[in-house]
Amino acid sequence: MDDVSELVELNSRFINAFRRGSWDLLKPILAPDFSYIDGTSGEVWPMDRYIAELDGNALPLLDVDEVRVHVACDVAVVSARSSSKPGQFNRYADTYARRDGRWTCVHACVWPLLSDPDKGVTP
């Protein structure tokens, strides 16, 4: 499997973990030194908070589009637009590193998109 296909598959698994609210599904994708930045507050979350926000909190309507993958040697960024509520959109960027021959997510950030076209951003 080529890098882009593999990263698209990992992204699908990542999203599925959130749709199901399952830490067990997400854990194998994340590096032990994974870090999350809340794009609304700029706060770096401790891992226990990230797990608590996910585990048991299913988002069955979570949808993504505009998926983009950028690979630069052993680092890659997967980004997309996401939504779990009609008319409300976020953008995320997940950074992956190739370690021991496999891709693992080392960093993620999600931030809200403005929905008012007069403010310069449209969903």
N, C-alpha and C. Protein backbone atom coordinates (compact mmCIF):
# COMPACT_ATOMS: atom_id res chain seq x y z
N MET A 1 0.85 -1.17 0.00
CA MET A 1 0.00 0.00 0.00
C MET A 1 0.89 1.24 0.00
N ASP A 2 0.57 2.22 -0.83
CA ASP A 2 1.36 3.44 -0.86
C ASP A 2 1.04 4.31 0.36
N ASP A 3 1.91 5.28 0.64
CA ASP A 3 1.77 6.11 1.84
C ASP A 3 0.43 6.83 1.90
N VAL A 4 0.01 7.45 0.81
CA VAL A 4 -1.24 8.22 0.83
C VAL A 4 -2.41 7.30 1.14
N SER A 5 -2.48 6.14 0.49
CA SER A 5 -3.58 5.20 0.75
C SER A 5 -3.57 4.74 2.21
N GLU A 6 -2.39 4.47 2.73
CA GLU A 6 -2.29 4.04 4.12
C GLU A 6 -2.76 5.13 5.08
N LEU A 7 -2.38 6.37 4.81
CA LEU A 7 -2.78 7.48 5.67
C LEU A 7 -4.28 7.77 5.56
N VAL A 8 -4.84 7.62 4.37
CA VAL A 8 -6.29 7.78 4.21
C VAL A 8 -7.02 6.71 5.03
N GLU A 9 -6.50 5.48 5.01
CA GLU A 9 -7.09 4.40 5.81
C GLU A 9 -6.97 4.69 7.30
N LEU A 10 -5.81 5.17 7.75
CA LEU A 10 -5.65 5.52 9.17
C LEU A 10 -6.61 6.63 9.56
N ASN A 11 -6.79 7.62 8.68
CA ASN A 11 -7.74 8.70 8.94
C ASN A 11 -9.16 8.13 9.10
N SER A 12 -9.53 7.20 8.24
CA SER A 12 -10.86 6.58 8.34
C SER A 12 -11.03 5.85 9.67
N ARG A 13 -9.98 5.16 10.10
CA ARG A 13 -10.03 4.46 11.39
C ARG A 13 -10.12 5.45 12.55
N PHE A 14 -9.39 6.55 12.45
CA PHE A 14 -9.41 7.61 13.46
C PHE A 14 -10.83 8.15 13.61
N ILE A 15 -11.45 8.50 12.48
CA ILE A 15 -12.81 9.03 12.49
C ILE A 15 -13.80 7.99 13.01
N ASN A 16 -13.64 6.75 12.61
CA ASN A 16 -14.52 5.69 13.10
C ASN A 16 -14.44 5.54 14.62
N ALA A 17 -13.25 5.70 15.17
CA ALA A 17 -13.10 5.63 16.63
C ALA A 17 -13.93 6.71 17.30
N PHE A 18 -13.96 7.91 16.72
CA PHE A 18 -14.77 8.99 17.29
C PHE A 18 -16.25 8.76 17.06
N ARG A 19 -16.60 8.22 15.90
CA ARG A 19 -18.02 7.89 15.66
C ARG A 19 -18.53 6.90 16.71
N ARG A 20 -17.68 5.98 17.10
CA ARG A 20 -18.07 4.95 18.06
C ARG A 20 -17.73 5.31 19.50
N GLY A 21 -16.99 6.41 19.70
CA GLY A 21 -16.59 6.79 21.06
C GLY A 21 -15.70 5.76 21.70
N SER A 22 -14.71 5.27 20.94
CA SER A 22 -13.91 4.14 21.39
C SER A 22 -12.42 4.46 21.48
N TRP A 23 -11.93 4.55 22.70
CA TRP A 23 -10.49 4.71 22.92
C TRP A 23 -9.74 3.47 22.42
N ASP A 24 -10.33 2.29 22.60
CA ASP A 24 -9.68 1.05 22.18
C ASP A 24 -9.41 1.04 20.67
N LEU A 25 -10.29 1.64 19.88
CA LEU A 25 -10.07 1.72 18.43
C LEU A 25 -9.02 2.76 18.06
N LEU A 26 -8.95 3.84 18.84
CA LEU A 26 -8.02 4.92 18.51
C LEU A 26 -6.60 4.66 19.01
N LYS A 27 -6.48 4.06 20.16
CA LYS A 27 -5.18 3.88 20.80
C LYS A 27 -4.10 3.31 19.88
N PRO A 28 -4.38 2.29 19.05
CA PRO A 28 -3.31 1.73 18.20
C PRO A 28 -2.80 2.70 17.12
N ILE A 29 -3.55 3.73 16.84
CA ILE A 29 -3.16 4.70 15.81
C ILE A 29 -2.22 5.77 16.37
N LEU A 30 -2.31 6.02 17.67
CA LEU A 30 -1.57 7.12 18.29
C LEU A 30 -0.21 6.69 18.81
N ALA A 31 0.74 7.59 18.66
CA ALA A 31 2.08 7.37 19.23
C ALA A 31 2.02 7.52 20.75
N PRO A 32 2.93 6.87 21.47
CA PRO A 32 2.96 7.03 22.93
C PRO A 32 3.16 8.48 23.36
N ASP A 33 3.81 9.28 22.51
CA ASP A 33 4.05 10.69 22.84
C ASP A 33 3.06 11.62 22.13
N PHE A 34 1.89 11.11 21.76
CA PHE A 34 0.85 11.89 21.09
C PHE A 34 0.50 13.14 21.89
N SER A 35 0.19 14.22 21.17
CA SER A 35 -0.19 15.49 21.79
C SER A 35 -1.40 16.06 21.06
N TYR A 36 -2.33 16.66 21.81
CA TYR A 36 -3.51 17.28 21.22
C TYR A 36 -3.59 18.73 21.65
N ILE A 37 -3.84 19.61 20.70
CA ILE A 37 -4.07 21.03 20.98
C ILE A 37 -5.51 21.35 20.62
N ASP A 38 -6.25 21.89 21.58
CA ASP A 38 -7.61 22.36 21.35
C ASP A 38 -7.51 23.65 20.54
N GLY A 39 -8.01 23.62 19.32
CA GLY A 39 -7.91 24.77 18.44
C GLY A 39 -8.79 25.93 18.82
N THR A 40 -9.73 25.73 19.74
CA THR A 40 -10.57 26.82 20.21
C THR A 40 -9.86 27.61 21.29
N SER A 41 -9.28 26.89 22.25
CA SER A 41 -8.65 27.55 23.40
C SER A 41 -7.14 27.68 23.27
N GLY A 42 -6.52 26.86 22.41
CA GLY A 42 -5.07 26.82 22.30
C GLY A 42 -4.42 25.98 23.38
N GLU A 43 -5.23 25.35 24.20
CA GLU A 43 -4.74 24.56 25.32
C GLU A 43 -4.24 23.19 24.85
N VAL A 44 -3.10 22.78 25.39
CA VAL A 44 -2.60 21.42 25.17
C VAL A 44 -3.25 20.54 26.23
N TRP A 45 -3.98 19.54 25.75
CA TRP A 45 -4.69 18.66 26.69
C TRP A 45 -3.80 17.55 27.19
N PRO A 46 -3.90 17.23 28.48
CA PRO A 46 -3.23 16.02 28.97
C PRO A 46 -3.94 14.80 28.38
N MET A 47 -3.23 13.71 28.24
CA MET A 47 -3.78 12.53 27.59
C MET A 47 -5.03 12.01 28.29
N ASP A 48 -5.08 12.07 29.62
CA ASP A 48 -6.27 11.56 30.31
C ASP A 48 -7.52 12.36 29.94
N ARG A 49 -7.38 13.65 29.71
CA ARG A 49 -8.53 14.46 29.28
C ARG A 49 -8.95 14.07 27.85
N TYR A 50 -7.98 13.87 26.98
CA TYR A 50 -8.28 13.48 25.60
C TYR A 50 -9.04 12.15 25.58
N ILE A 51 -8.57 11.20 26.37
CA ILE A 51 -9.22 9.89 26.44
C ILE A 51 -10.64 10.03 26.99
N ALA A 52 -10.80 10.82 28.06
CA ALA A 52 -12.12 10.99 28.68
C ALA A 52 -13.12 11.65 27.72
N GLU A 53 -12.63 12.59 26.90
CA GLU A 53 -13.52 13.25 25.94
C GLU A 53 -13.98 12.29 24.84
N LEU A 54 -13.17 11.29 24.54
CA LEU A 54 -13.49 10.33 23.48
C LEU A 54 -14.26 9.13 24.00
N ASP A 55 -13.73 8.48 25.01
CA ASP A 55 -14.22 7.16 25.42
C ASP A 55 -15.65 7.24 25.94
N GLY A 56 -16.54 6.52 25.26
CA GLY A 56 -17.94 6.48 25.65
C GLY A 56 -18.76 7.66 25.14
N ASN A 57 -18.17 8.56 24.41
CA ASN A 57 -18.87 9.74 23.89
C ASN A 57 -18.94 9.66 22.37
N ALA A 58 -19.75 8.74 21.90
CA ALA A 58 -19.86 8.50 20.45
C ALA A 58 -20.41 9.71 19.71
N LEU A 59 -19.88 9.92 18.52
CA LEU A 59 -20.36 10.95 17.59
C LEU A 59 -20.78 10.24 16.30
N PRO A 60 -21.91 9.52 16.33
CA PRO A 60 -22.29 8.69 15.19
C PRO A 60 -22.53 9.47 13.90
N LEU A 61 -22.83 10.76 14.00
CA LEU A 61 -23.09 11.56 12.81
C LEU A 61 -21.85 12.30 12.31
N LEU A 62 -20.69 12.03 12.91
CA LEU A 62 -19.46 12.69 12.48
C LEU A 62 -19.18 12.37 11.02
N ASP A 63 -19.01 13.42 10.25
CA ASP A 63 -18.75 13.28 8.81
C ASP A 63 -17.51 14.10 8.46
N VAL A 64 -16.77 13.65 7.48
CA VAL A 64 -15.60 14.40 7.02
C VAL A 64 -15.64 14.51 5.51
N ASP A 65 -15.06 15.60 5.03
CA ASP A 65 -14.85 15.78 3.60
C ASP A 65 -13.60 16.64 3.42
N GLU A 66 -13.29 16.94 2.21
CA GLU A 66 -12.11 17.76 1.90
C GLU A 66 -10.83 17.17 2.50
N VAL A 67 -10.72 15.84 2.50
CA VAL A 67 -9.54 15.17 3.06
C VAL A 67 -8.33 15.44 2.17
N ARG A 68 -7.25 15.87 2.78
CA ARG A 68 -5.99 16.12 2.08
C ARG A 68 -4.87 15.42 2.82
N VAL A 69 -3.94 14.86 2.08
CA VAL A 69 -2.78 14.18 2.66
C VAL A 69 -1.53 14.78 2.04
N HIS A 70 -0.61 15.19 2.91
CA HIS A 70 0.68 15.72 2.44
C HIS A 70 1.78 14.89 3.10
N VAL A 71 2.59 14.24 2.28
CA VAL A 71 3.69 13.41 2.77
C VAL A 71 5.01 14.09 2.44
N ALA A 72 5.87 14.22 3.44
CA ALA A 72 7.22 14.77 3.27
C ALA A 72 8.19 13.83 3.97
N CYS A 73 8.72 12.90 3.20
CA CYS A 73 9.62 11.87 3.74
C CYS A 73 8.92 11.04 4.80
N ASP A 74 9.35 11.15 6.05
CA ASP A 74 8.79 10.33 7.12
C ASP A 74 7.82 11.09 8.01
N VAL A 75 7.28 12.20 7.49
CA VAL A 75 6.28 13.00 8.20
C VAL A 75 5.13 13.25 7.24
N ALA A 76 3.91 13.24 7.78
CA ALA A 76 2.74 13.49 6.94
C ALA A 76 1.70 14.25 7.74
N VAL A 77 0.89 15.02 7.03
CA VAL A 77 -0.24 15.70 7.63
C VAL A 77 -1.49 15.27 6.89
N VAL A 78 -2.49 14.87 7.66
CA VAL A 78 -3.81 14.55 7.11
C VAL A 78 -4.75 15.62 7.66
N SER A 79 -5.42 16.31 6.77
CA SER A 79 -6.35 17.34 7.20
C SER A 79 -7.69 17.14 6.49
N ALA A 80 -8.73 17.64 7.11
CA ALA A 80 -10.07 17.54 6.53
C ALA A 80 -11.00 18.49 7.26
N ARG A 81 -12.17 18.65 6.67
CA ARG A 81 -13.25 19.38 7.31
C ARG A 81 -14.16 18.33 7.94
N SER A 82 -14.65 18.62 9.15
CA SER A 82 -15.51 17.66 9.83
C SER A 82 -16.76 18.37 10.36
N SER A 83 -17.79 17.58 10.59
CA SER A 83 -19.03 18.10 11.15
C SER A 83 -19.77 16.98 11.85
N SER A 84 -20.33 17.29 13.01
CA SER A 84 -21.21 16.34 13.68
C SER A 84 -22.59 16.96 13.91
N LYS A 85 -22.74 18.23 13.53
CA LYS A 85 -24.02 18.95 13.64
C LYS A 85 -24.24 19.72 12.35
N PRO A 86 -25.44 19.70 11.81
CA PRO A 86 -25.71 20.43 10.57
C PRO A 86 -25.33 21.90 10.68
N GLY A 87 -24.59 22.36 9.69
CA GLY A 87 -24.21 23.77 9.62
C GLY A 87 -23.03 24.18 10.48
N GLN A 88 -22.47 23.27 11.28
CA GLN A 88 -21.31 23.57 12.12
C GLN A 88 -20.14 22.73 11.64
N PHE A 89 -19.05 23.41 11.30
CA PHE A 89 -17.90 22.71 10.73
C PHE A 89 -16.64 23.00 11.52
N ASN A 90 -15.76 22.01 11.53
CA ASN A 90 -14.42 22.13 12.09
C ASN A 90 -13.42 21.76 11.00
N ARG A 91 -12.20 22.10 11.23
CA ARG A 91 -11.10 21.62 10.41
C ARG A 91 -10.12 20.96 11.38
N TYR A 92 -9.51 19.89 10.92
CA TYR A 92 -8.48 19.25 11.75
C TYR A 92 -7.23 18.99 10.93
N ALA A 93 -6.13 18.91 11.65
CA ALA A 93 -4.84 18.53 11.07
C ALA A 93 -4.20 17.52 12.02
N ASP A 94 -3.95 16.33 11.48
CA ASP A 94 -3.30 15.27 12.24
C ASP A 94 -1.92 15.04 11.64
N THR A 95 -0.91 15.08 12.47
CA THR A 95 0.46 14.87 12.02
C THR A 95 0.88 13.44 12.34
N TYR A 96 1.43 12.79 11.33
CA TYR A 96 1.89 11.41 11.45
C TYR A 96 3.40 11.36 11.24
N ALA A 97 4.03 10.42 11.92
CA ALA A 97 5.45 10.16 11.71
C ALA A 97 5.60 8.67 11.39
N ARG A 98 6.51 8.38 10.45
CA ARG A 98 6.80 6.97 10.15
C ARG A 98 7.87 6.52 11.14
N ARG A 99 7.50 5.56 11.96
CA ARG A 99 8.41 5.02 12.97
C ARG A 99 8.43 3.50 12.83
N ASP A 100 9.61 2.98 12.75
CA ASP A 100 9.77 1.52 12.60
C ASP A 100 8.92 0.98 11.45
N GLY A 101 8.86 1.75 10.37
CA GLY A 101 8.18 1.30 9.17
C GLY A 101 6.67 1.45 9.15
N ARG A 102 6.09 2.07 10.19
CA ARG A 102 4.64 2.27 10.19
C ARG A 102 4.29 3.70 10.58
N TRP A 103 3.17 4.17 10.05
CA TRP A 103 2.69 5.52 10.36
C TRP A 103 1.98 5.52 11.69
N THR A 104 2.27 6.52 12.52
CA THR A 104 1.61 6.69 13.80
C THR A 104 1.34 8.18 14.01
N CYS A 105 0.18 8.48 14.56
CA CYS A 105 -0.22 9.88 14.76
C CYS A 105 0.48 10.44 16.00
N VAL A 106 1.20 11.55 15.82
CA VAL A 106 1.95 12.14 16.92
C VAL A 106 1.33 13.43 17.43
N HIS A 107 0.42 14.02 16.63
CA HIS A 107 -0.15 15.30 17.02
C HIS A 107 -1.47 15.53 16.30
N ALA A 108 -2.41 16.16 16.99
CA ALA A 108 -3.69 16.51 16.37
C ALA A 108 -4.14 17.87 16.88
N CYS A 109 -4.87 18.56 16.03
CA CYS A 109 -5.48 19.84 16.40
C CYS A 109 -6.80 19.95 15.64
N VAL A 110 -7.84 20.41 16.32
CA VAL A 110 -9.15 20.63 15.72
C VAL A 110 -9.58 22.04 16.09
N TRP A 111 -10.09 22.78 15.10
CA TRP A 111 -10.56 24.13 15.38
C TRP A 111 -11.85 24.37 14.61
N PRO A 112 -12.72 25.24 15.17
CA PRO A 112 -13.99 25.53 14.52
C PRO A 112 -13.78 26.45 13.31
N LEU A 113 -14.62 26.24 12.31
CA LEU A 113 -14.64 27.12 11.15
C LEU A 113 -15.77 28.12 11.31
N LEU A 114 -15.52 29.33 10.89
CA LEU A 114 -16.57 30.33 10.90
C LEU A 114 -17.62 29.95 9.87
N SER A 115 -18.88 30.14 10.21
CA SER A 115 -19.93 29.79 9.26
C SER A 115 -20.54 31.03 8.62
N ASP A 116 -20.06 32.20 8.99
CA ASP A 116 -20.59 33.45 8.45
C ASP A 116 -19.75 33.89 7.27
N PRO A 117 -20.30 33.83 6.04
CA PRO A 117 -19.52 34.21 4.86
C PRO A 117 -19.00 35.64 4.91
N ASP A 118 -19.67 36.52 5.68
CA ASP A 118 -19.21 37.91 5.79
C ASP A 118 -17.91 38.02 6.56
N LYS A 119 -17.54 36.97 7.30
CA LYS A 119 -16.30 36.99 8.06
C LYS A 119 -15.16 36.36 7.29
N GLY A 120 -15.42 35.98 6.05
CA GLY A 120 -14.33 35.53 5.19
C GLY A 120 -14.12 34.05 5.11
N VAL A 121 -14.85 33.26 5.87
CA VAL A 121 -14.68 31.81 5.83
C VAL A 121 -16.05 31.20 5.62
N THR A 122 -16.15 30.29 4.71
CA THR A 122 -17.41 29.59 4.50
C THR A 122 -17.17 28.10 4.65
N PRO A 123 -18.17 27.39 5.16
CA PRO A 123 -18.02 25.95 5.32
C PRO A 123 -17.96 25.21 4.01
